[in-house]
Amino acid sequence: MYDIRFRHDINLLDIAWHGQFTSEGVAAYAREVKARFVAEGFVPGYLLRMDMSGSAVQPQDAVAAFREHLGDGLFPRASRIAIVTPSIIATMQVRREMTQDYMRIFANADEALAWLLGQG
């Protein structure tokens, strides 16, 4: 369903989604990413790349669950967020839900990483 990698060498939380979430799946995902964030010793100001290219637009109950479990103030703040999706509809959903001015959307993961690292 998802992969979570913490790259200490570049202060990157690197997440890839591989399908549609249910509200129960979001709750489990939120618990895991929060616990691992603490266990990995990450702190606010990290970089975040969320590769959604392997998932479709999320159902509305999952979107609501993301808001409930990871919304405003419920997860440590990144310094930059790069979302990866080639889907125009997914892009619209992301823009509606994620309004941070330090977030950008990319069609490919390499371009997203370059931007996060200040190389693009």
PDB file of N, CA and C in Angstrom:
ATOM      1  N   MET A   1       0.819  -1.207   0.000  1.00  0.00           N
ATOM      2  CA  MET A   1       0.000   0.000   0.000  1.00  0.00           C
ATOM      3  C   MET A   1       0.859   1.266   0.000  1.00  0.00           C
ATOM      4  N   TYR A   2       1.963   1.238   0.781  1.00  0.00           N
ATOM      5  CA  TYR A   2       2.845   2.392   0.846  1.00  0.00           C
ATOM      6  C   TYR A   2       4.228   1.956   1.320  1.00  0.00           C
ATOM      7  N   ASP A   3       5.223   2.768   0.998  1.00  0.00           N
ATOM      8  CA  ASP A   3       6.589   2.584   1.478  1.00  0.00           C
ATOM      9  C   ASP A   3       7.003   3.886   2.155  1.00  0.00           C
ATOM     10  N   ILE A   4       7.675   3.765   3.283  1.00  0.00           N
ATOM     11  CA  ILE A   4       8.161   4.924   4.023  1.00  0.00           C
ATOM     12  C   ILE A   4       9.659   4.742   4.228  1.00  0.00           C
ATOM     13  N   ARG A   5      10.437   5.722   3.753  1.00  0.00           N
ATOM     14  CA  ARG A   5      11.896   5.691   3.944  1.00  0.00           C
ATOM     15  C   ARG A   5      12.336   6.999   4.582  1.00  0.00           C
ATOM     16  N   PHE A   6      13.216   6.874   5.546  1.00  0.00           N
ATOM     17  CA  PHE A   6      13.828   8.042   6.170  1.00  0.00           C
ATOM     18  C   PHE A   6      15.273   8.093   5.706  1.00  0.00           C
ATOM     19  N   ARG A   7      15.615   9.140   4.983  1.00  0.00           N
ATOM     20  CA  ARG A   7      16.973   9.301   4.459  1.00  0.00           C
ATOM     21  C   ARG A   7      17.686  10.377   5.274  1.00  0.00           C
ATOM     22  N   HIS A   8      18.409   9.922   6.279  1.00  0.00           N
ATOM     23  CA  HIS A   8      19.106  10.838   7.174  1.00  0.00           C
ATOM     24  C   HIS A   8      20.166  11.655   6.446  1.00  0.00           C
ATOM     25  N   ASP A   9      20.775  11.082   5.399  1.00  0.00           N
ATOM     26  CA  ASP A   9      21.849  11.776   4.689  1.00  0.00           C
ATOM     27  C   ASP A   9      21.395  13.088   4.064  1.00  0.00           C
ATOM     28  N   ILE A  10      20.111  13.187   3.713  1.00  0.00           N
ATOM     29  CA  ILE A  10      19.594  14.422   3.111  1.00  0.00           C
ATOM     30  C   ILE A  10      18.359  14.952   3.855  1.00  0.00           C
ATOM     31  N   ASN A  11      18.113  14.419   5.068  1.00  0.00           N
ATOM     32  CA  ASN A  11      17.000  14.875   5.908  1.00  0.00           C
ATOM     33  C   ASN A  11      15.647  14.749   5.182  1.00  0.00           C
ATOM     34  N   LEU A  12      15.450  13.615   4.526  1.00  0.00           N
ATOM     35  CA  LEU A  12      14.272  13.402   3.673  1.00  0.00           C
ATOM     36  C   LEU A  12      13.382  12.290   4.203  1.00  0.00           C
ATOM     37  N   LEU A  13      12.116  12.605   4.361  1.00  0.00           N
ATOM     38  CA  LEU A  13      11.081  11.590   4.568  1.00  0.00           C
ATOM     39  C   LEU A  13      10.513  11.316   3.183  1.00  0.00           C
ATOM     40  N   ASP A  14      10.728  10.105   2.693  1.00  0.00           N
ATOM     41  CA  ASP A  14      10.391   9.724   1.317  1.00  0.00           C
ATOM     42  C   ASP A  14       9.286   8.681   1.359  1.00  0.00           C
ATOM     43  N   ILE A  15       8.099   9.044   0.897  1.00  0.00           N
ATOM     44  CA  ILE A  15       6.929   8.176   0.976  1.00  0.00           C
ATOM     45  C   ILE A  15       6.410   7.907  -0.427  1.00  0.00           C
ATOM     46  N   ALA A  16       6.055   6.652  -0.683  1.00  0.00           N
ATOM     47  CA  ALA A  16       5.423   6.286  -1.957  1.00  0.00           C
ATOM     48  C   ALA A  16       4.115   5.553  -1.649  1.00  0.00           C
ATOM     49  N   TRP A  17       3.056   5.965  -2.318  1.00  0.00           N
ATOM     50  CA  TRP A  17       1.752   5.303  -2.190  1.00  0.00           C
ATOM     51  C   TRP A  17       1.535   4.397  -3.388  1.00  0.00           C
ATOM     52  N   HIS A  18       0.869   3.252  -3.134  1.00  0.00           N
ATOM     53  CA  HIS A  18       0.665   2.268  -4.198  1.00  0.00           C
ATOM     54  C   HIS A  18      -0.795   1.864  -4.381  1.00  0.00           C
ATOM     55  N   GLY A  19      -1.710   2.690  -3.994  1.00  0.00           N
ATOM     56  CA  GLY A  19      -3.116   2.339  -4.164  1.00  0.00           C
ATOM     57  C   GLY A  19      -4.022   3.295  -3.417  1.00  0.00           C
ATOM     58  N   GLN A  20      -5.288   2.919  -3.381  1.00  0.00           N
ATOM     59  CA  GLN A  20      -6.273   3.734  -2.684  1.00  0.00           C
ATOM     60  C   GLN A  20      -6.339   3.332  -1.221  1.00  0.00           C
ATOM     61  N   PHE A  21      -6.492   4.320  -0.371  1.00  0.00           N
ATOM     62  CA  PHE A  21      -6.609   4.093   1.058  1.00  0.00           C
ATOM     63  C   PHE A  21      -8.073   3.971   1.448  1.00  0.00           C
ATOM     64  N   THR A  22      -8.311   3.238   2.518  1.00  0.00           N
ATOM     65  CA  THR A  22      -9.595   3.272   3.220  1.00  0.00           C
ATOM     66  C   THR A  22      -9.382   4.144   4.447  1.00  0.00           C
ATOM     67  N   SER A  23     -10.447   4.503   5.128  1.00  0.00           N
ATOM     68  CA  SER A  23     -10.269   5.306   6.340  1.00  0.00           C
ATOM     69  C   SER A  23      -9.480   4.519   7.389  1.00  0.00           C
ATOM     70  N   GLU A  24      -9.699   3.197   7.477  1.00  0.00           N
ATOM     71  CA  GLU A  24      -8.936   2.366   8.412  1.00  0.00           C
ATOM     72  C   GLU A  24      -7.470   2.293   7.991  1.00  0.00           C
ATOM     73  N   GLY A  25      -7.220   2.222   6.694  1.00  0.00           N
ATOM     74  CA  GLY A  25      -5.853   2.200   6.185  1.00  0.00           C
ATOM     75  C   GLY A  25      -5.118   3.494   6.484  1.00  0.00           C
ATOM     76  N   VAL A  26      -5.811   4.608   6.405  1.00  0.00           N
ATOM     77  CA  VAL A  26      -5.213   5.907   6.733  1.00  0.00           C
ATOM     78  C   VAL A  26      -4.825   5.939   8.205  1.00  0.00           C
ATOM     79  N   ALA A  27      -5.680   5.435   9.066  1.00  0.00           N
ATOM     80  CA  ALA A  27      -5.386   5.425  10.503  1.00  0.00           C
ATOM     81  C   ALA A  27      -4.116   4.615  10.781  1.00  0.00           C
ATOM     82  N   ALA A  28      -3.996   3.443  10.170  1.00  0.00           N
ATOM     83  CA  ALA A  28      -2.803   2.599  10.350  1.00  0.00           C
ATOM     84  C   ALA A  28      -1.568   3.286   9.787  1.00  0.00           C
ATOM     85  N   TYR A  29      -1.692   3.891   8.610  1.00  0.00           N
ATOM     86  CA  TYR A  29      -0.595   4.628   7.980  1.00  0.00           C
ATOM     87  C   TYR A  29      -0.140   5.773   8.877  1.00  0.00           C
ATOM     88  N   ALA A  30      -1.086   6.544   9.398  1.00  0.00           N
ATOM     89  CA  ALA A  30      -0.766   7.684  10.266  1.00  0.00           C
ATOM     90  C   ALA A  30      -0.036   7.217  11.522  1.00  0.00           C
ATOM     91  N   ARG A  31      -0.512   6.136  12.133  1.00  0.00           N
ATOM     92  CA  ARG A  31       0.161   5.610  13.330  1.00  0.00           C
ATOM     93  C   ARG A  31       1.599   5.215  12.998  1.00  0.00           C
ATOM     94  N   GLU A  32       1.782   4.517  11.863  1.00  0.00           N
ATOM     95  CA  GLU A  32       3.124   4.063  11.504  1.00  0.00           C
ATOM     96  C   GLU A  32       4.055   5.233  11.188  1.00  0.00           C
ATOM     97  N   VAL A  33       3.624   6.163  10.374  1.00  0.00           N
ATOM     98  CA  VAL A  33       4.517   7.256   9.990  1.00  0.00           C
ATOM     99  C   VAL A  33       4.856   8.135  11.196  1.00  0.00           C
ATOM    100  N   LYS A  34       3.915   8.362  12.098  1.00  0.00           N
ATOM    101  CA  LYS A  34       4.196   9.146  13.300  1.00  0.00           C
ATOM    102  C   LYS A  34       5.197   8.420  14.205  1.00  0.00           C
ATOM    103  N   ALA A  35       4.985   7.132  14.429  1.00  0.00           N
ATOM    104  CA  ALA A  35       5.881   6.362  15.299  1.00  0.00           C
ATOM    105  C   ALA A  35       7.281   6.276  14.708  1.00  0.00           C
ATOM    106  N   ARG A  36       7.359   6.047  13.420  1.00  0.00           N
ATOM    107  CA  ARG A  36       8.669   5.944  12.785  1.00  0.00           C
ATOM    108  C   ARG A  36       9.381   7.292  12.748  1.00  0.00           C
ATOM    109  N   PHE A  37       8.639   8.375  12.587  1.00  0.00           N
ATOM    110  CA  PHE A  37       9.229   9.711  12.601  1.00  0.00           C
ATOM    111  C   PHE A  37       9.987   9.924  13.912  1.00  0.00           C
ATOM    112  N   VAL A  38       9.346   9.591  15.018  1.00  0.00           N
ATOM    113  CA  VAL A  38       9.966   9.739  16.333  1.00  0.00           C
ATOM    114  C   VAL A  38      11.133   8.765  16.483  1.00  0.00           C
ATOM    115  N   ALA A  39      10.922   7.499  16.118  1.00  0.00           N
ATOM    116  CA  ALA A  39      11.967   6.479  16.259  1.00  0.00           C
ATOM    117  C   ALA A  39      13.204   6.813  15.433  1.00  0.00           C
ATOM    118  N   GLU A  40      13.011   7.437  14.280  1.00  0.00           N
ATOM    119  CA  GLU A  40      14.127   7.795  13.401  1.00  0.00           C
ATOM    120  C   GLU A  40      14.847   9.066  13.863  1.00  0.00           C
ATOM    121  N   GLY A  41      14.254   9.756  14.824  1.00  0.00           N
ATOM    122  CA  GLY A  41      14.878  10.966  15.345  1.00  0.00           C
ATOM    123  C   GLY A  41      14.742  12.171  14.433  1.00  0.00           C
ATOM    124  N   PHE A  42      13.736  12.151  13.565  1.00  0.00           N
ATOM    125  CA  PHE A  42      13.499  13.312  12.695  1.00  0.00           C
ATOM    126  C   PHE A  42      12.853  14.424  13.507  1.00  0.00           C
ATOM    127  N   VAL A  43      13.050  15.654  13.063  1.00  0.00           N
ATOM    128  CA  VAL A  43      12.498  16.826  13.735  1.00  0.00           C
ATOM    129  C   VAL A  43      11.881  17.743  12.675  1.00  0.00           C
ATOM    130  N   PRO A  44      11.065  18.699  13.086  1.00  0.00           N
ATOM    131  CA  PRO A  44      10.501  19.644  12.119  1.00  0.00           C
ATOM    132  C   PRO A  44      11.610  20.292  11.282  1.00  0.00           C
ATOM    133  N   GLY A  45      11.271  20.590  10.023  1.00  0.00           N
ATOM    134  CA  GLY A  45      12.230  21.194   9.103  1.00  0.00           C
ATOM    135  C   GLY A  45      12.815  20.216   8.110  1.00  0.00           C
ATOM    136  N   TYR A  46      12.398  18.980   8.160  1.00  0.00           N
ATOM    137  CA  TYR A  46      12.831  17.957   7.214  1.00  0.00           C
ATOM    138  C   TYR A  46      12.252  18.237   5.832  1.00  0.00           C
ATOM    139  N   LEU A  47      12.705  17.482   4.840  1.00  0.00           N
ATOM    140  CA  LEU A  47      12.143  17.522   3.491  1.00  0.00           C
ATOM    141  C   LEU A  47      11.176  16.350   3.345  1.00  0.00           C
ATOM    142  N   LEU A  48      10.108  16.543   2.595  1.00  0.00           N
ATOM    143  CA  LEU A  48       9.119  15.491   2.385  1.00  0.00           C
ATOM    144  C   LEU A  48       8.841  15.329   0.903  1.00  0.00           C
ATOM    145  N   ARG A  49       9.039  14.102   0.405  1.00  0.00           N
ATOM    146  CA  ARG A  49       8.615  13.769  -0.957  1.00  0.00           C
ATOM    147  C   ARG A  49       7.557  12.687  -0.839  1.00  0.00           C
ATOM    148  N   MET A  50       6.371  12.975  -1.385  1.00  0.00           N
ATOM    149  CA  MET A  50       5.279  12.013  -1.409  1.00  0.00           C
ATOM    150  C   MET A  50       5.014  11.646  -2.859  1.00  0.00           C
ATOM    151  N   ASP A  51       5.391  10.431  -3.215  1.00  0.00           N
ATOM    152  CA  ASP A  51       5.205   9.956  -4.580  1.00  0.00           C
ATOM    153  C   ASP A  51       3.867   9.231  -4.669  1.00  0.00           C
ATOM    154  N   MET A  52       2.908   9.899  -5.269  1.00  0.00           N
ATOM    155  CA  MET A  52       1.559   9.358  -5.420  1.00  0.00           C
ATOM    156  C   MET A  52       1.329   8.796  -6.814  1.00  0.00           C
ATOM    157  N   SER A  53       2.390   8.670  -7.596  1.00  0.00           N
ATOM    158  CA  SER A  53       2.223   8.225  -8.986  1.00  0.00           C
ATOM    159  C   SER A  53       1.717   6.787  -9.077  1.00  0.00           C
ATOM    160  N   GLY A  54       1.882   5.999  -8.027  1.00  0.00           N
ATOM    161  CA  GLY A  54       1.385   4.628  -8.029  1.00  0.00           C
ATOM    162  C   GLY A  54       0.006   4.488  -7.421  1.00  0.00           C
ATOM    163  N   SER A  55      -0.645   5.603  -7.150  1.00  0.00           N
ATOM    164  CA  SER A  55      -1.985   5.546  -6.571  1.00  0.00           C
ATOM    165  C   SER A  55      -2.927   6.440  -7.366  1.00  0.00           C
ATOM    166  N   ALA A  56      -4.170   6.160  -7.198  1.00  0.00           N
ATOM    167  CA  ALA A  56      -5.194   6.945  -7.896  1.00  0.00           C
ATOM    168  C   ALA A  56      -5.671   8.068  -6.979  1.00  0.00           C
ATOM    169  N   VAL A  57      -6.635   8.802  -7.446  1.00  0.00           N
ATOM    170  CA  VAL A  57      -7.295   9.798  -6.610  1.00  0.00           C
ATOM    171  C   VAL A  57      -7.871   9.060  -5.401  1.00  0.00           C
ATOM    172  N   GLN A  58      -7.737   9.650  -4.239  1.00  0.00           N
ATOM    173  CA  GLN A  58      -8.194   8.992  -3.012  1.00  0.00           C
ATOM    174  C   GLN A  58      -9.693   9.214  -2.797  1.00  0.00           C
ATOM    175  N   PRO A  59     -10.387   8.189  -2.269  1.00  0.00           N
ATOM    176  CA  PRO A  59     -11.814   8.341  -1.972  1.00  0.00           C
ATOM    177  C   PRO A  59     -12.030   9.410  -0.894  1.00  0.00           C
ATOM    178  N   GLN A  60     -13.194  10.007  -0.870  1.00  0.00           N
ATOM    179  CA  GLN A  60     -13.477  11.105   0.047  1.00  0.00           C
ATOM    180  C   GLN A  60     -13.391  10.700   1.514  1.00  0.00           C
ATOM    181  N   ASP A  61     -13.759   9.455   1.857  1.00  0.00           N
ATOM    182  CA  ASP A  61     -13.636   9.038   3.255  1.00  0.00           C
ATOM    183  C   ASP A  61     -12.170   8.943   3.660  1.00  0.00           C
ATOM    184  N   ALA A  62     -11.296   8.551   2.738  1.00  0.00           N
ATOM    185  CA  ALA A  62      -9.860   8.511   3.031  1.00  0.00           C
ATOM    186  C   ALA A  62      -9.311   9.932   3.177  1.00  0.00           C
ATOM    187  N   VAL A  63      -9.740  10.834   2.317  1.00  0.00           N
ATOM    188  CA  VAL A  63      -9.299  12.233   2.409  1.00  0.00           C
ATOM    189  C   VAL A  63      -9.689  12.812   3.770  1.00  0.00           C
ATOM    190  N   ALA A  64     -10.905  12.536   4.208  1.00  0.00           N
ATOM    191  CA  ALA A  64     -11.349  13.012   5.521  1.00  0.00           C
ATOM    192  C   ALA A  64     -10.507  12.394   6.634  1.00  0.00           C
ATOM    193  N   ALA A  65     -10.151  11.132   6.487  1.00  0.00           N
ATOM    194  CA  ALA A  65      -9.321  10.464   7.495  1.00  0.00           C
ATOM    195  C   ALA A  65      -7.918  11.060   7.530  1.00  0.00           C
ATOM    196  N   PHE A  66      -7.360  11.417   6.362  1.00  0.00           N
ATOM    197  CA  PHE A  66      -6.058  12.089   6.344  1.00  0.00           C
ATOM    198  C   PHE A  66      -6.129  13.404   7.120  1.00  0.00           C
ATOM    199  N   ARG A  67      -7.197  14.167   6.905  1.00  0.00           N
ATOM    200  CA  ARG A  67      -7.375  15.422   7.641  1.00  0.00           C
ATOM    201  C   ARG A  67      -7.429  15.166   9.147  1.00  0.00           C
ATOM    202  N   GLU A  68      -8.173  14.128   9.530  1.00  0.00           N
ATOM    203  CA  GLU A  68      -8.361  13.805  10.945  1.00  0.00           C
ATOM    204  C   GLU A  68      -7.051  13.355  11.601  1.00  0.00           C
ATOM    205  N   HIS A  69      -6.264  12.546  10.920  1.00  0.00           N
ATOM    206  CA  HIS A  69      -5.079  11.933  11.534  1.00  0.00           C
ATOM    207  C   HIS A  69      -3.770  12.681  11.281  1.00  0.00           C
ATOM    208  N   LEU A  70      -3.705  13.447  10.196  1.00  0.00           N
ATOM    209  CA  LEU A  70      -2.445  14.102   9.841  1.00  0.00           C
ATOM    210  C   LEU A  70      -2.609  15.577   9.505  1.00  0.00           C
ATOM    211  N   GLY A  71      -3.793  16.114   9.728  1.00  0.00           N
ATOM    212  CA  GLY A  71      -4.085  17.496   9.356  1.00  0.00           C
ATOM    213  C   GLY A  71      -3.326  18.524  10.174  1.00  0.00           C
ATOM    214  N   ASP A  72      -3.708  19.750  10.011  1.00  0.00           N
ATOM    215  CA  ASP A  72      -3.034  20.909  10.624  1.00  0.00           C
ATOM    216  C   ASP A  72      -2.554  20.640  12.045  1.00  0.00           C
ATOM    217  N   GLY A  73      -1.256  20.716  12.212  1.00  0.00           N
ATOM    218  CA  GLY A  73      -0.665  20.617  13.527  1.00  0.00           C
ATOM    219  C   GLY A  73      -0.549  19.220  14.100  1.00  0.00           C
ATOM    220  N   LEU A  74      -1.005  18.203  13.383  1.00  0.00           N
ATOM    221  CA  LEU A  74      -0.977  16.843  13.915  1.00  0.00           C
ATOM    222  C   LEU A  74       0.276  16.070  13.506  1.00  0.00           C
ATOM    223  N   PHE A  75       1.100  16.664  12.662  1.00  0.00           N
ATOM    224  CA  PHE A  75       2.343  16.026  12.238  1.00  0.00           C
ATOM    225  C   PHE A  75       3.400  17.115  12.123  1.00  0.00           C
ATOM    226  N   PRO A  76       4.640  16.824  12.513  1.00  0.00           N
ATOM    227  CA  PRO A  76       5.683  17.855  12.453  1.00  0.00           C
ATOM    228  C   PRO A  76       5.817  18.470  11.059  1.00  0.00           C
ATOM    229  N   ARG A  77       6.052  19.766  11.023  1.00  0.00           N
ATOM    230  CA  ARG A  77       6.082  20.542   9.787  1.00  0.00           C
ATOM    231  C   ARG A  77       7.381  20.315   9.011  1.00  0.00           C
ATOM    232  N   ALA A  78       7.238  20.093   7.716  1.00  0.00           N
ATOM    233  CA  ALA A  78       8.381  19.994   6.811  1.00  0.00           C
ATOM    234  C   ALA A  78       8.809  21.400   6.391  1.00  0.00           C
ATOM    235  N   SER A  79      10.026  21.511   5.872  1.00  0.00           N
ATOM    236  CA  SER A  79      10.456  22.798   5.328  1.00  0.00           C
ATOM    237  C   SER A  79      10.087  22.919   3.853  1.00  0.00           C
ATOM    238  N   ARG A  80      10.023  21.787   3.172  1.00  0.00           N
ATOM    239  CA  ARG A  80       9.593  21.724   1.776  1.00  0.00           C
ATOM    240  C   ARG A  80       8.850  20.407   1.558  1.00  0.00           C
ATOM    241  N   ILE A  81       7.804  20.460   0.740  1.00  0.00           N
ATOM    242  CA  ILE A  81       7.036  19.266   0.388  1.00  0.00           C
ATOM    243  C   ILE A  81       6.969  19.180  -1.125  1.00  0.00           C
ATOM    244  N   ALA A  82       7.357  18.031  -1.658  1.00  0.00           N
ATOM    245  CA  ALA A  82       7.227  17.763  -3.089  1.00  0.00           C
ATOM    246  C   ALA A  82       6.268  16.586  -3.264  1.00  0.00           C
ATOM    247  N   ILE A  83       5.207  16.827  -3.995  1.00  0.00           N
ATOM    248  CA  ILE A  83       4.232  15.788  -4.310  1.00  0.00           C
ATOM    249  C   ILE A  83       4.494  15.334  -5.738  1.00  0.00           C
ATOM    250  N   VAL A  84       4.477  14.029  -5.958  1.00  0.00           N
ATOM    251  CA  VAL A  84       4.693  13.489  -7.295  1.00  0.00           C
ATOM    252  C   VAL A  84       3.416  12.802  -7.756  1.00  0.00           C
ATOM    253  N   THR A  85       2.839  13.325  -8.828  1.00  0.00           N
ATOM    254  CA  THR A  85       1.692  12.682  -9.464  1.00  0.00           C
ATOM    255  C   THR A  85       1.579  13.178 -10.898  1.00  0.00           C
ATOM    256  N   PRO A  86       1.411  12.257 -11.840  1.00  0.00           N
ATOM    257  CA  PRO A  86       1.184  12.680 -13.218  1.00  0.00           C
ATOM    258  C   PRO A  86      -0.297  12.975 -13.505  1.00  0.00           C
ATOM    259  N   SER A  87      -1.170  12.692 -12.547  1.00  0.00           N
ATOM    260  CA  SER A  87      -2.613  12.822 -12.729  1.00  0.00           C
ATOM    261  C   SER A  87      -3.095  14.240 -12.476  1.00  0.00           C
ATOM    262  N   ILE A  88      -3.808  14.785 -13.425  1.00  0.00           N
ATOM    263  CA  ILE A  88      -4.378  16.127 -13.259  1.00  0.00           C
ATOM    264  C   ILE A  88      -5.445  16.125 -12.170  1.00  0.00           C
ATOM    265  N   ILE A  89      -6.239  15.069 -12.107  1.00  0.00           N
ATOM    266  CA  ILE A  89      -7.290  14.996 -11.086  1.00  0.00           C
ATOM    267  C   ILE A  89      -6.674  14.865  -9.694  1.00  0.00           C
ATOM    268  N   ALA A  90      -5.633  14.033  -9.561  1.00  0.00           N
ATOM    269  CA  ALA A  90      -4.951  13.914  -8.266  1.00  0.00           C
ATOM    270  C   ALA A  90      -4.302  15.247  -7.882  1.00  0.00           C
ATOM    271  N   THR A  91      -3.752  15.942  -8.851  1.00  0.00           N
ATOM    272  CA  THR A  91      -3.165  17.261  -8.597  1.00  0.00           C
ATOM    273  C   THR A  91      -4.215  18.208  -8.020  1.00  0.00           C
ATOM    274  N   MET A  92      -5.399  18.187  -8.604  1.00  0.00           N
ATOM    275  CA  MET A  92      -6.478  19.046  -8.108  1.00  0.00           C
ATOM    276  C   MET A  92      -6.853  18.674  -6.672  1.00  0.00           C
ATOM    277  N   GLN A  93      -6.906  17.366  -6.381  1.00  0.00           N
ATOM    278  CA  GLN A  93      -7.244  16.922  -5.032  1.00  0.00           C
ATOM    279  C   GLN A  93      -6.163  17.367  -4.036  1.00  0.00           C
ATOM    280  N   VAL A  94      -4.904  17.216  -4.420  1.00  0.00           N
ATOM    281  CA  VAL A  94      -3.799  17.626  -3.550  1.00  0.00           C
ATOM    282  C   VAL A  94      -3.868  19.129  -3.292  1.00  0.00           C
ATOM    283  N   ARG A  95      -4.062  19.910  -4.324  1.00  0.00           N
ATOM    284  CA  ARG A  95      -4.110  21.381  -4.159  1.00  0.00           C
ATOM    285  C   ARG A  95      -5.261  21.819  -3.264  1.00  0.00           C
ATOM    286  N   ARG A  96      -6.358  21.068  -3.308  1.00  0.00           N
ATOM    287  CA  ARG A  96      -7.504  21.396  -2.465  1.00  0.00           C
ATOM    288  C   ARG A  96      -7.198  21.083  -0.996  1.00  0.00           C
ATOM    289  N   GLU A  97      -6.462  20.018  -0.749  1.00  0.00           N
ATOM    290  CA  GLU A  97      -6.207  19.563   0.617  1.00  0.00           C
ATOM    291  C   GLU A  97      -4.923  20.109   1.229  1.00  0.00           C
ATOM    292  N   MET A  98      -3.921  20.360   0.406  1.00  0.00           N
ATOM    293  CA  MET A  98      -2.614  20.786   0.912  1.00  0.00           C
ATOM    294  C   MET A  98      -2.328  22.184   0.396  1.00  0.00           C
ATOM    295  N   THR A  99      -2.426  23.147   1.265  1.00  0.00           N
ATOM    296  CA  THR A  99      -2.328  24.546   0.838  1.00  0.00           C
ATOM    297  C   THR A  99      -1.027  25.218   1.282  1.00  0.00           C
ATOM    298  N   GLN A 100      -0.070  24.429   1.740  1.00  0.00           N
ATOM    299  CA  GLN A 100       1.193  25.008   2.201  1.00  0.00           C
ATOM    300  C   GLN A 100       1.901  25.725   1.058  1.00  0.00           C
ATOM    301  N   ASP A 101       2.454  26.895   1.361  1.00  0.00           N
ATOM    302  CA  ASP A 101       3.165  27.645   0.322  1.00  0.00           C
ATOM    303  C   ASP A 101       4.549  27.059   0.040  1.00  0.00           C
ATOM    304  N   TYR A 102       4.986  26.109   0.818  1.00  0.00           N
ATOM    305  CA  TYR A 102       6.272  25.442   0.616  1.00  0.00           C
ATOM    306  C   TYR A 102       6.087  24.056  -0.023  1.00  0.00           C
ATOM    307  N   MET A 103       4.949  23.847  -0.694  1.00  0.00           N
ATOM    308  CA  MET A 103       4.638  22.605  -1.379  1.00  0.00           C
ATOM    309  C   MET A 103       4.590  22.840  -2.885  1.00  0.00           C
ATOM    310  N   ARG A 104       5.151  21.904  -3.650  1.00  0.00           N
ATOM    311  CA  ARG A 104       5.086  21.937  -5.113  1.00  0.00           C
ATOM    312  C   ARG A 104       4.683  20.550  -5.611  1.00  0.00           C
ATOM    313  N   ILE A 105       4.099  20.507  -6.792  1.00  0.00           N
ATOM    314  CA  ILE A 105       3.672  19.247  -7.396  1.00  0.00           C
ATOM    315  C   ILE A 105       4.489  19.014  -8.661  1.00  0.00           C
ATOM    316  N   PHE A 106       4.936  17.783  -8.823  1.00  0.00           N
ATOM    317  CA  PHE A 106       5.784  17.396  -9.955  1.00  0.00           C
ATOM    318  C   PHE A 106       5.229  16.144 -10.619  1.00  0.00           C
ATOM    319  N   ALA A 107       5.544  15.986 -11.901  1.00  0.00           N
ATOM    320  CA  ALA A 107       5.118  14.799 -12.641  1.00  0.00           C
ATOM    321  C   ALA A 107       6.101  13.648 -12.473  1.00  0.00           C
ATOM    322  N   ASN A 108       7.332  13.949 -12.045  1.00  0.00           N
ATOM    323  CA  ASN A 108       8.278  12.850 -11.862  1.00  0.00           C
ATOM    324  C   ASN A 108       9.104  13.028 -10.596  1.00  0.00           C
ATOM    325  N   ALA A 109       9.517  11.891 -10.030  1.00  0.00           N
ATOM    326  CA  ALA A 109      10.171  11.868  -8.721  1.00  0.00           C
ATOM    327  C   ALA A 109      11.546  12.527  -8.728  1.00  0.00           C
ATOM    328  N   ASP A 110      12.292  12.392  -9.827  1.00  0.00           N
ATOM    329  CA  ASP A 110      13.631  12.991  -9.889  1.00  0.00           C
ATOM    330  C   ASP A 110      13.562  14.513  -9.853  1.00  0.00           C
ATOM    331  N   GLU A 111      12.631  15.093 -10.587  1.00  0.00           N
ATOM    332  CA  GLU A 111      12.460  16.551 -10.562  1.00  0.00           C
ATOM    333  C   GLU A 111      12.052  17.021  -9.169  1.00  0.00           C
ATOM    334  N   ALA A 112      11.203  16.244  -8.518  1.00  0.00           N
ATOM    335  CA  ALA A 112      10.770  16.590  -7.161  1.00  0.00           C
ATOM    336  C   ALA A 112      11.956  16.599  -6.205  1.00  0.00           C
ATOM    337  N   LEU A 113      12.797  15.581  -6.284  1.00  0.00           N
ATOM    338  CA  LEU A 113      13.955  15.511  -5.401  1.00  0.00           C
ATOM    339  C   LEU A 113      14.935  16.652  -5.681  1.00  0.00           C
ATOM    340  N   ALA A 114      15.155  16.967  -6.948  1.00  0.00           N
ATOM    341  CA  ALA A 114      16.040  18.071  -7.299  1.00  0.00           C
ATOM    342  C   ALA A 114      15.541  19.372  -6.685  1.00  0.00           C
ATOM    343  N   TRP A 115      14.248  19.631  -6.770  1.00  0.00           N
ATOM    344  CA  TRP A 115      13.678  20.852  -6.168  1.00  0.00           C
ATOM    345  C   TRP A 115      13.855  20.854  -4.659  1.00  0.00           C
ATOM    346  N   LEU A 116      13.575  19.722  -4.025  1.00  0.00           N
ATOM    347  CA  LEU A 116      13.732  19.630  -2.574  1.00  0.00           C
ATOM    348  C   LEU A 116      15.146  19.956  -2.139  1.00  0.00           C
ATOM    349  N   LEU A 117      16.118  19.503  -2.920  1.00  0.00           N
ATOM    350  CA  LEU A 117      17.522  19.694  -2.587  1.00  0.00           C
ATOM    351  C   LEU A 117      18.082  21.023  -3.093  1.00  0.00           C
ATOM    352  N   GLY A 118      17.196  21.847  -3.676  1.00  0.00           N
ATOM    353  CA  GLY A 118      17.624  23.157  -4.146  1.00  0.00           C
ATOM    354  C   GLY A 118      18.394  23.121  -5.443  1.00  0.00           C
ATOM    355  N   GLN A 119      18.216  22.034  -6.213  1.00  0.00           N
ATOM    356  CA  GLN A 119      18.934  21.877  -7.469  1.00  0.00           C
ATOM    357  C   GLN A 119      18.041  22.051  -8.676  1.00  0.00           C
ATOM    358  N   GLY A 120      16.819  22.460  -8.446  1.00  0.00           N
ATOM    359  CA  GLY A 120      15.905  22.582  -9.571  1.00  0.00           C
ATOM    360  C   GLY A 120      14.945  23.712  -9.412  1.00  0.00           C
TER     361      GLY A 120
END
